[in-house]
C-alpha atoms as a PDB file:
ATOM      1  CA  MET A   1      11.343 -25.323   1.912  1.00  0.00           C
ATOM      2  CA  PRO A   2       8.212 -23.155   1.296  1.00  0.00           C
ATOM      3  CA  THR A   3       8.831 -19.562   0.185  1.00  0.00           C
ATOM      4  CA  ALA A   4       6.923 -16.302   0.567  1.00  0.00           C
ATOM      5  CA  LEU A   5       6.915 -12.664  -0.508  1.00  0.00           C
ATOM      6  CA  ILE A   6       5.575  -9.772   1.577  1.00  0.00           C
ATOM      7  CA  ALA A   7       4.214  -6.723  -0.256  1.00  0.00           C
ATOM      8  CA  ASP A   8       3.340  -3.686   1.878  1.00  0.00           C
ATOM      9  CA  ASP A   9       4.128   0.005   1.369  1.00  0.00           C
ATOM     10  CA  GLU A  10       4.433   0.459   5.145  1.00  0.00           C
ATOM     11  CA  ILE A  11       7.985  -0.762   5.731  1.00  0.00           C
ATOM     12  CA  ALA A  12       7.565  -1.160   9.493  1.00  0.00           C
ATOM     13  CA  LEU A  13       4.538  -3.416   9.035  1.00  0.00           C
ATOM     14  CA  ALA A  14       6.304  -5.490   6.381  1.00  0.00           C
ATOM     15  CA  GLU A  15       9.237  -6.022   8.770  1.00  0.00           C
ATOM     16  CA  PHE A  16       6.836  -6.824  11.625  1.00  0.00           C
ATOM     17  CA  LEU A  17       5.111  -9.494   9.545  1.00  0.00           C
ATOM     18  CA  LYS A  18       8.472 -10.930   8.488  1.00  0.00           C
ATOM     19  CA  THR A  19       9.561 -11.218  12.137  1.00  0.00           C
ATOM     20  CA  GLU A  20       6.291 -12.855  13.205  1.00  0.00           C
ATOM     21  CA  LEU A  21       6.466 -15.355  10.343  1.00  0.00           C
ATOM     22  CA  ALA A  22      10.043 -16.279  11.281  1.00  0.00           C
ATOM     23  CA  GLU A  23       8.906 -17.187  14.793  1.00  0.00           C
ATOM     24  CA  LEU A  24       5.643 -18.935  13.902  1.00  0.00           C
ATOM     25  CA  TRP A  25       6.884 -20.783  10.811  1.00  0.00           C
ATOM     26  CA  PRO A  26      10.712 -21.014  10.873  1.00  0.00           C
ATOM     27  CA  GLU A  27      10.775 -23.247   7.783  1.00  0.00           C
ATOM     28  CA  LEU A  28       9.118 -20.546   5.660  1.00  0.00           C
ATOM     29  CA  LYS A  29      11.738 -18.608   3.705  1.00  0.00           C
ATOM     30  CA  ILE A  30      10.923 -14.939   2.987  1.00  0.00           C
ATOM     31  CA  VAL A  31      12.503 -14.448  -0.436  1.00  0.00           C
ATOM     32  CA  ALA A  32      11.611 -10.766  -0.890  1.00  0.00           C
ATOM     33  CA  LEU A  33       9.961  -7.674   0.574  1.00  0.00           C
ATOM     34  CA  ALA A  34       8.255  -5.288  -1.860  1.00  0.00           C
ATOM     35  CA  TYR A  35       7.011  -1.796  -1.032  1.00  0.00           C
ATOM     36  CA  ASN A  36       4.773  -1.178  -4.054  1.00  0.00           C
ATOM     37  CA  GLY A  37       2.584  -3.300  -6.282  1.00  0.00           C
ATOM     38  CA  LEU A  38       4.693  -3.061  -9.436  1.00  0.00           C
ATOM     39  CA  ASP A  39       7.857  -4.254  -7.690  1.00  0.00           C
ATOM     40  CA  ALA A  40       5.887  -7.043  -6.009  1.00  0.00           C
ATOM     41  CA  LEU A  41       4.533  -8.244  -9.358  1.00  0.00           C
ATOM     42  CA  ARG A  42       8.042  -8.268 -10.848  1.00  0.00           C
ATOM     43  CA  LEU A  43       9.516 -10.125  -7.869  1.00  0.00           C
ATOM     44  CA  ILE A  44       6.755 -12.729  -7.916  1.00  0.00           C
ATOM     45  CA  ASP A  45       7.468 -13.340 -11.603  1.00  0.00           C
ATOM     46  CA  GLU A  46      11.218 -13.631 -10.941  1.00  0.00           C
ATOM     47  CA  MET A  47      11.175 -15.654  -7.703  1.00  0.00           C
ATOM     48  CA  ALA A  48       7.910 -17.632  -7.964  1.00  0.00           C
ATOM     49  CA  PRO A  49       7.169 -17.741  -4.212  1.00  0.00           C
ATOM     50  CA  ASP A  50       4.649 -20.266  -2.903  1.00  0.00           C
ATOM     51  CA  ILE A  51       2.824 -17.587  -0.886  1.00  0.00           C
ATOM     52  CA  ALA A  52       2.267 -13.846  -1.325  1.00  0.00           C
ATOM     53  CA  PHE A  53       1.096 -11.580   1.509  1.00  0.00           C
ATOM     54  CA  LEU A  54      -0.446  -8.634  -0.363  1.00  0.00           C
ATOM     55  CA  ASP A  55      -1.361  -5.281   1.151  1.00  0.00           C
ATOM     56  CA  ILE A  56      -4.721  -4.113  -0.180  1.00  0.00           C
ATOM     57  CA  ARG A  57      -3.552  -0.507  -0.623  1.00  0.00           C
ATOM     58  CA  MET A  58      -0.184   0.048  -2.287  1.00  0.00           C
ATOM     59  CA  PRO A  59       1.199   2.534  -4.799  1.00  0.00           C
ATOM     60  CA  GLY A  60       1.532   1.258  -8.355  1.00  0.00           C
ATOM     61  CA  LEU A  61      -0.951  -1.622  -8.018  1.00  0.00           C
ATOM     62  CA  SER A  62      -3.258  -2.537  -5.154  1.00  0.00           C
ATOM     63  CA  GLY A  63      -3.248  -6.041  -3.713  1.00  0.00           C
ATOM     64  CA  LEU A  64      -6.493  -6.862  -5.518  1.00  0.00           C
ATOM     65  CA  GLU A  65      -5.175  -5.513  -8.830  1.00  0.00           C
ATOM     66  CA  MET A  66      -2.029  -7.603  -8.410  1.00  0.00           C
ATOM     67  CA  ALA A  67      -4.073 -10.698  -7.655  1.00  0.00           C
ATOM     68  CA  SER A  68      -6.211 -10.215 -10.765  1.00  0.00           C
ATOM     69  CA  ARG A  69      -3.029 -10.243 -12.866  1.00  0.00           C
ATOM     70  CA  LEU A  70      -1.668 -13.313 -11.099  1.00  0.00           C
ATOM     71  CA  VAL A  71      -4.688 -15.628 -11.169  1.00  0.00           C
ATOM     72  CA  ASP A  72      -3.965 -16.744 -14.738  1.00  0.00           C
ATOM     73  CA  ALA A  73      -0.232 -17.234 -14.174  1.00  0.00           C
ATOM     74  CA  ASP A  74       1.190 -20.739 -14.559  1.00  0.00           C
ATOM     75  CA  ALA A  75       2.421 -20.805 -10.957  1.00  0.00           C
ATOM     76  CA  ALA A  76       0.357 -18.238  -9.087  1.00  0.00           C
ATOM     77  CA  PRO A  77       1.207 -18.057  -5.360  1.00  0.00           C
ATOM     78  CA  HIS A  78      -1.274 -18.608  -2.571  1.00  0.00           C
ATOM     79  CA  MET A  79      -2.510 -15.109  -1.763  1.00  0.00           C
ATOM     80  CA  VAL A  80      -3.233 -13.673   1.663  1.00  0.00           C
ATOM     81  CA  PHE A  81      -4.613 -10.135   1.630  1.00  0.00           C
ATOM     82  CA  VAL A  82      -3.453  -7.778   4.380  1.00  0.00           C
ATOM     83  CA  THR A  83      -5.893  -4.983   5.135  1.00  0.00           C
ATOM     84  CA  ALA A  84      -6.209  -1.951   7.389  1.00  0.00           C
ATOM     85  CA  TYR A  85      -9.880  -1.556   6.490  1.00  0.00           C
ATOM     86  CA  ASP A  86     -12.686  -1.636   9.045  1.00  0.00           C
ATOM     87  CA  GLN A  87     -15.010  -4.470  10.076  1.00  0.00           C
ATOM     88  CA  TYR A  88     -17.133  -3.964   6.958  1.00  0.00           C
ATOM     89  CA  ALA A  89     -14.194  -5.042   4.794  1.00  0.00           C
ATOM     90  CA  VAL A  90     -13.388  -7.960   7.092  1.00  0.00           C
ATOM     91  CA  ASP A  91     -16.992  -9.157   6.726  1.00  0.00           C
ATOM     92  CA  ALA A  92     -16.589  -8.975   2.939  1.00  0.00           C
ATOM     93  CA  PHE A  93     -13.491 -11.180   3.020  1.00  0.00           C
ATOM     94  CA  GLU A  94     -15.091 -13.690   5.367  1.00  0.00           C
ATOM     95  CA  ARG A  95     -18.265 -13.840   3.274  1.00  0.00           C
ATOM     96  CA  GLU A  96     -16.223 -14.669   0.175  1.00  0.00           C
ATOM     97  CA  ALA A  97     -13.942 -17.126   2.049  1.00  0.00           C
ATOM     98  CA  VAL A  98     -10.774 -15.298   1.024  1.00  0.00           C
ATOM     99  CA  ASP A  99      -7.655 -15.394   3.196  1.00  0.00           C
ATOM    100  CA  TYR A 100      -6.983 -12.064   4.895  1.00  0.00           C
ATOM    101  CA  LEU A 101      -5.125 -10.533   7.831  1.00  0.00           C
ATOM    102  CA  LEU A 102      -6.174  -7.362   9.621  1.00  0.00           C
ATOM    103  CA  LYS A 103      -3.287  -4.965  10.372  1.00  0.00           C
ATOM    104  CA  PRO A 104      -1.449  -5.536  12.626  1.00  0.00           C
ATOM    105  CA  PRO A 105      -2.215  -9.263  12.714  1.00  0.00           C
ATOM    106  CA  SER A 106      -2.397 -10.969  16.095  1.00  0.00           C
ATOM    107  CA  ARG A 107      -0.327 -14.117  16.610  1.00  0.00           C
ATOM    108  CA  GLU A 108      -3.471 -16.203  17.028  1.00  0.00           C
ATOM    109  CA  ARG A 109      -4.998 -14.956  13.757  1.00  0.00           C
ATOM    110  CA  LEU A 110      -1.702 -15.282  11.869  1.00  0.00           C
ATOM    111  CA  GLY A 111      -1.270 -18.799  13.227  1.00  0.00           C
ATOM    112  CA  LYS A 112      -4.682 -19.845  11.849  1.00  0.00           C
ATOM    113  CA  THR A 113      -3.777 -18.481   8.424  1.00  0.00           C
ATOM    114  CA  LEU A 114      -0.449 -20.310   8.457  1.00  0.00           C
ATOM    115  CA  ASP A 115      -2.148 -23.585   9.433  1.00  0.00           C
ATOM    116  CA  LYS A 116      -4.430 -23.211   6.421  1.00  0.00           C
ATOM    117  CA  LEU A 117      -1.504 -22.442   4.117  1.00  0.00           C
ATOM    118  CA  LYS A 118       0.411 -25.485   5.376  1.00  0.00           C
ATOM    119  CA  ARG A 119      -2.593 -27.716   4.618  1.00  0.00           C
ATOM    120  CA  GLN A 120      -2.954 -26.233   1.129  1.00  0.00           C
ATOM    121  CA  LEU A 121       0.735 -26.659   0.325  1.00  0.00           C
ATOM    122  CA  GLY A 122       0.600 -30.211   1.677  1.00  0.00           C
ATOM    123  CA  ASP A 123      -2.384 -31.017  -0.548  1.00  0.00           C
ATOM    124  CA  GLU A 124      -0.515 -29.639  -3.560  1.00  0.00           C
ATOM    125  CA  ARG A 125       2.498 -31.825  -2.911  1.00  0.00           C
ATOM    126  CA  HIS A 126       0.260 -34.843  -2.378  1.00  0.00           C
ATOM    127  CA  THR A 127      -1.798 -34.380  -5.551  1.00  0.00           C
ATOM    128  CA  GLY A 128       0.927 -32.809  -7.688  1.00  0.00           C
ATOM    129  CA  SER A 129      -1.368 -30.021  -8.907  1.00  0.00           C
ATOM    130  CA  PRO A 130      -1.689 -26.425  -7.634  1.00  0.00           C
ATOM    131  CA  MET A 131      -4.793 -25.281  -5.771  1.00  0.00           C
ATOM    132  CA  ALA A 132      -7.007 -22.795  -7.587  1.00  0.00           C
ATOM    133  CA  GLY A 133      -6.659 -19.168  -6.482  1.00  0.00           C
ATOM    134  CA  PRO A 134      -9.374 -16.489  -6.343  1.00  0.00           C
ATOM    135  CA  ASP A 135     -11.061 -15.975  -9.698  1.00  0.00           C
ATOM    136  CA  PRO A 136     -11.193 -12.552 -11.434  1.00  0.00           C
ATOM    137  CA  GLU A 137     -14.944 -12.152 -10.823  1.00  0.00           C
ATOM    138  CA  LEU A 138     -14.438 -12.653  -7.086  1.00  0.00           C
ATOM    139  CA  LEU A 139     -11.606 -10.102  -7.035  1.00  0.00           C
ATOM    140  CA  ALA A 140     -13.765  -7.561  -8.884  1.00  0.00           C
ATOM    141  CA  LYS A 141     -16.577  -8.174  -6.402  1.00  0.00           C
ATOM    142  CA  LEU A 142     -14.230  -7.643  -3.459  1.00  0.00           C
ATOM    143  CA  ALA A 143     -12.931  -4.409  -5.012  1.00  0.00           C
ATOM    144  CA  ALA A 144     -16.519  -3.153  -5.280  1.00  0.00           C
ATOM    145  CA  LEU A 145     -17.351  -4.222  -1.708  1.00  0.00           C
ATOM    146  CA  LEU A 146     -14.282  -2.429  -0.372  1.00  0.00           C
ATOM    147  CA  GLY A 147     -15.051   0.746  -2.284  1.00  0.00           C
ATOM    148  CA  GLN A 148     -11.673   0.956  -4.006  1.00  0.00           C
ATOM    149  CA  PRO A 149     -11.222   4.451  -5.512  1.00  0.00           C
ATOM    150  CA  THR A 150     -12.005   4.689  -9.223  1.00  0.00           C
ATOM    151  CA  PRO A 151     -11.397   7.496 -11.754  1.00  0.00           C
ATOM    152  CA  SER A 152     -15.079   8.384 -11.520  1.00  0.00           C
ATOM    153  CA  SER A 153     -14.976   8.836  -7.730  1.00  0.00           C
ATOM    154  CA  PRO A 154     -15.589  12.428  -6.569  1.00  0.00           C
ATOM    155  CA  ARG A 155     -12.311  14.219  -5.938  1.00  0.00           C
ATOM    156  CA  LEU A 156     -11.452  16.635  -3.155  1.00  0.00           C
ATOM    157  CA  GLU A 157     -11.421  20.254  -4.382  1.00  0.00           C
ATOM    158  CA  TRP A 158     -11.438  22.273  -1.133  1.00  0.00           C
ATOM    159  CA  ILE A 159      -9.956  21.713   2.327  1.00  0.00           C
ATOM    160  CA  ARG A 160     -11.102  23.356   5.556  1.00  0.00           C
ATOM    161  CA  ALA A 161      -8.000  23.924   7.688  1.00  0.00           C
ATOM    162  CA  ALA A 162      -6.984  25.723  10.878  1.00  0.00           C
ATOM    163  CA  HIS A 163      -4.454  28.537  10.556  1.00  0.00           C
ATOM    164  CA  GLY A 164      -3.760  30.033  13.972  1.00  0.00           C
ATOM    165  CA  ASN A 165      -7.124  31.229  15.250  1.00  0.00           C
ATOM    166  CA  GLU A 166      -8.603  31.265  11.754  1.00  0.00           C
ATOM    167  CA  THR A 167     -10.359  28.597   9.738  1.00  0.00           C
ATOM    168  CA  ARG A 168      -9.328  28.715   6.093  1.00  0.00           C
ATOM    169  CA  LEU A 169     -10.937  27.216   3.012  1.00  0.00           C
ATOM    170  CA  ILE A 170      -7.995  26.149   0.854  1.00  0.00           C
ATOM    171  CA  ALA A 171      -8.395  25.147  -2.792  1.00  0.00           C
ATOM    172  CA  VAL A 172      -6.656  21.818  -3.477  1.00  0.00           C
ATOM    173  CA  ASP A 173      -4.876  23.475  -6.434  1.00  0.00           C
ATOM    174  CA  GLU A 174      -3.115  25.782  -3.936  1.00  0.00           C
ATOM    175  CA  VAL A 175      -1.686  22.891  -1.882  1.00  0.00           C
ATOM    176  CA  VAL A 176       2.035  22.251  -2.386  1.00  0.00           C
ATOM    177  CA  TYR A 177       2.229  19.214  -0.096  1.00  0.00           C
ATOM    178  CA  PHE A 178       0.696  17.449   2.903  1.00  0.00           C
ATOM    179  CA  GLU A 179       2.764  16.105   5.801  1.00  0.00           C
ATOM    180  CA  ALA A 180       1.553  13.914   8.671  1.00  0.00           C
ATOM    181  CA  ARG A 181       2.572  15.192  12.108  1.00  0.00           C
ATOM    182  CA  ASP A 182       1.398  13.369  15.252  1.00  0.00           C
ATOM    183  CA  LYS A 183      -2.384  13.896  15.517  1.00  0.00           C
ATOM    184  CA  TYR A 184      -2.534  16.409  12.669  1.00  0.00           C
ATOM    185  CA  VAL A 185      -1.679  16.740   8.993  1.00  0.00           C
ATOM    186  CA  SER A 186       0.052  19.948   7.919  1.00  0.00           C
ATOM    187  CA  VAL A 187      -1.152  21.521   4.676  1.00  0.00           C
ATOM    188  CA  PHE A 188       1.585  23.579   3.019  1.00  0.00           C
ATOM    189  CA  THR A 189       0.786  26.235   0.433  1.00  0.00           C
ATOM    190  CA  ALA A 190       3.169  28.700  -1.214  1.00  0.00           C
ATOM    191  CA  ASP A 191       2.577  31.231   1.584  1.00  0.00           C
ATOM    192  CA  GLY A 192       2.076  29.231   4.754  1.00  0.00           C
ATOM    193  CA  GLU A 193       1.092  26.180   6.761  1.00  0.00           C
ATOM    194  CA  SER A 194      -2.297  25.115   8.097  1.00  0.00           C
ATOM    195  CA  LEU A 195      -3.521  22.089  10.041  1.00  0.00           C
ATOM    196  CA  ILE A 196      -6.237  19.495   9.475  1.00  0.00           C
ATOM    197  CA  ARG A 197      -7.257  16.385  11.404  1.00  0.00           C
ATOM    198  CA  THR A 198      -8.013  14.224   8.333  1.00  0.00           C
ATOM    199  CA  PRO A 199      -5.667  11.181   8.278  1.00  0.00           C
ATOM    200  CA  LEU A 200      -3.267  10.976   5.358  1.00  0.00           C
ATOM    201  CA  ARG A 201      -4.767   7.715   4.072  1.00  0.00           C
ATOM    202  CA  GLU A 202      -8.217   9.302   3.999  1.00  0.00           C
ATOM    203  CA  LEU A 203      -6.808  12.271   2.077  1.00  0.00           C
ATOM    204  CA  LEU A 204      -5.329   9.905  -0.509  1.00  0.00           C
ATOM    205  CA  ASP A 205      -8.782   8.502  -1.245  1.00  0.00           C
ATOM    206  CA  GLY A 206     -10.084  11.966  -2.116  1.00  0.00           C
ATOM    207  CA  LEU A 207      -7.107  13.267  -4.099  1.00  0.00           C
ATOM    208  CA  ASP A 208      -6.588  12.767  -7.827  1.00  0.00           C
ATOM    209  CA  PRO A 209      -3.596  10.368  -8.150  1.00  0.00           C
ATOM    210  CA  ALA A 210      -2.598  12.112 -11.380  1.00  0.00           C
ATOM    211  CA  ARG A 211      -2.225  15.405  -9.477  1.00  0.00           C
ATOM    212  CA  PHE A 212      -0.882  14.211  -6.102  1.00  0.00           C
ATOM    213  CA  TRP A 213       1.830  11.647  -5.391  1.00  0.00           C
ATOM    214  CA  GLN A 214       2.611  10.009  -2.087  1.00  0.00           C
ATOM    215  CA  VAL A 215       6.427  10.166  -1.842  1.00  0.00           C
ATOM    216  CA  HIS A 216       6.857   8.989   1.734  1.00  0.00           C
ATOM    217  CA  ARG A 217       4.781   7.263   4.375  1.00  0.00           C
ATOM    218  CA  GLY A 218       3.861  10.677   5.789  1.00  0.00           C
ATOM    219  CA  THR A 219       4.088  12.962   2.734  1.00  0.00           C
ATOM    220  CA  ILE A 220       1.908  13.701  -0.311  1.00  0.00           C
ATOM    221  CA  VAL A 221       3.099  16.280  -2.856  1.00  0.00           C
ATOM    222  CA  ALA A 222       1.305  18.117  -5.664  1.00  0.00           C
ATOM    223  CA  VAL A 223       2.905  17.075  -8.964  1.00  0.00           C
ATOM    224  CA  ARG A 224       2.507  20.559 -10.469  1.00  0.00           C
ATOM    225  CA  HIS A 225       4.672  22.012  -7.681  1.00  0.00           C
ATOM    226  CA  ILE A 226       7.597  19.609  -8.214  1.00  0.00           C
ATOM    227  CA  ALA A 227      10.652  21.334  -9.694  1.00  0.00           C
ATOM    228  CA  GLY A 228      12.852  18.221  -9.791  1.00  0.00           C
ATOM    229  CA  THR A 229      14.873  15.872  -7.592  1.00  0.00           C
ATOM    230  CA  VAL A 230      18.374  15.865  -6.083  1.00  0.00           C
ATOM    231  CA  ARG A 231      20.481  13.346  -4.140  1.00  0.00           C
ATOM    232  CA  ASP A 232      21.846  14.297  -0.738  1.00  0.00           C
ATOM    233  CA  PHE A 233      25.148  13.169   0.847  1.00  0.00           C
ATOM    234  CA  ARG A 234      23.375  10.139   2.359  1.00  0.00           C
ATOM    235  CA  GLY A 235      22.213   8.969  -1.055  1.00  0.00           C
ATOM    236  CA  ARG A 236      18.553   9.842  -0.459  1.00  0.00           C
ATOM    237  CA  THR A 237      16.370  11.271  -3.223  1.00  0.00           C
ATOM    238  CA  LEU A 238      14.873  14.669  -2.326  1.00  0.00           C
ATOM    239  CA  VAL A 239      12.038  16.496  -4.088  1.00  0.00           C
ATOM    240  CA  LYS A 240      12.713  20.166  -4.885  1.00  0.00           C
ATOM    241  CA  LEU A 241       9.658  22.436  -4.983  1.00  0.00           C
ATOM    242  CA  LYS A 242       8.877  25.379  -7.256  1.00  0.00           C
ATOM    243  CA  THR A 243       7.324  27.646  -4.635  1.00  0.00           C
ATOM    244  CA  ARG A 244       8.926  26.588  -1.356  1.00  0.00           C
ATOM    245  CA  ALA A 245      12.499  26.053  -0.167  1.00  0.00           C
ATOM    246  CA  ASP A 246      11.566  22.790   1.582  1.00  0.00           C
ATOM    247  CA  GLN A 247      13.002  19.547   0.218  1.00  0.00           C
ATOM    248  CA  LEU A 248      10.974  16.363   0.706  1.00  0.00           C
ATOM    249  CA  VAL A 249      12.521  12.943   1.280  1.00  0.00           C
ATOM    250  CA  VAL A 250      11.375  10.203  -1.128  1.00  0.00           C
ATOM    251  CA  SER A 251      11.286   6.734   0.448  1.00  0.00           C
ATOM    252  CA  ARG A 252      12.395   3.669  -1.499  1.00  0.00           C
ATOM    253  CA  ALA A 253       8.814   2.517  -2.033  1.00  0.00           C
ATOM    254  CA  TYR A 254       8.066   5.570  -4.193  1.00  0.00           C
ATOM    255  CA  LEU A 255      11.310   6.060  -6.166  1.00  0.00           C
ATOM    256  CA  HIS A 256       9.676   4.541  -9.233  1.00  0.00           C
ATOM    257  CA  LEU A 257       7.595   7.738  -9.602  1.00  0.00           C
ATOM    258  CA  PHE A 258      10.764   9.696 -10.436  1.00  0.00           C
ATOM    259  CA  LYS A 259      12.539   7.311 -12.801  1.00  0.00           C
ATOM    260  CA  GLN A 260      11.964   9.659 -15.737  1.00  0.00           C
ATOM    261  CA  MET A 261      13.494  12.643 -13.898  1.00  0.00           C
END
């Protein structure tokens, strides 16, 4: 029975993909779901799945970073990259002949990928030797084509936000946390709340990951404003803040950020 792992920090999308795979390929056993790159790497090492569906953007390690660590492994899985990028990124994957799925994958597109995987696994069983995965140079090229953030990338220092009838210029150092709300993102400072239209994922690209942590699908918090963590009666981890009374829920995918606390 072939096995697979799904790695995606968006839990709903990971569950969606699991459900679709169960219907399109009932014989495929999903051995694990991972919600960050580090957990996915550990689970792949422990469970040695035949296939890994890897989200391009994940906390801890991106899908491409994970793949670059796996290509030299004795039993590297077949890798399918799952991306929410635009058509430019899709063109990059197609040009390099790398398996990919665009979020959320259609049944027709997922079916084509599964047909290819079945052929590859069949060839392996016939020849007795594993198929070669993407090489490190190809992965580095894809990372460059997709514009993955690097330490040298320009970081966001100021944010233009609406506060009532005013437009404020807020220094990033003043931000306590960001929270996605419907069509807007709320920017919380020590003395108030303002609104911006920039999507949370786009904000992440411009923020310094050493200064801002994503702690939930819809929440990014400034590390310097974290006072500590507590557990509530439901067993959830909550972030306590130094300058606000709010407490922020930490989802399972990001608990590893607080292991030292």
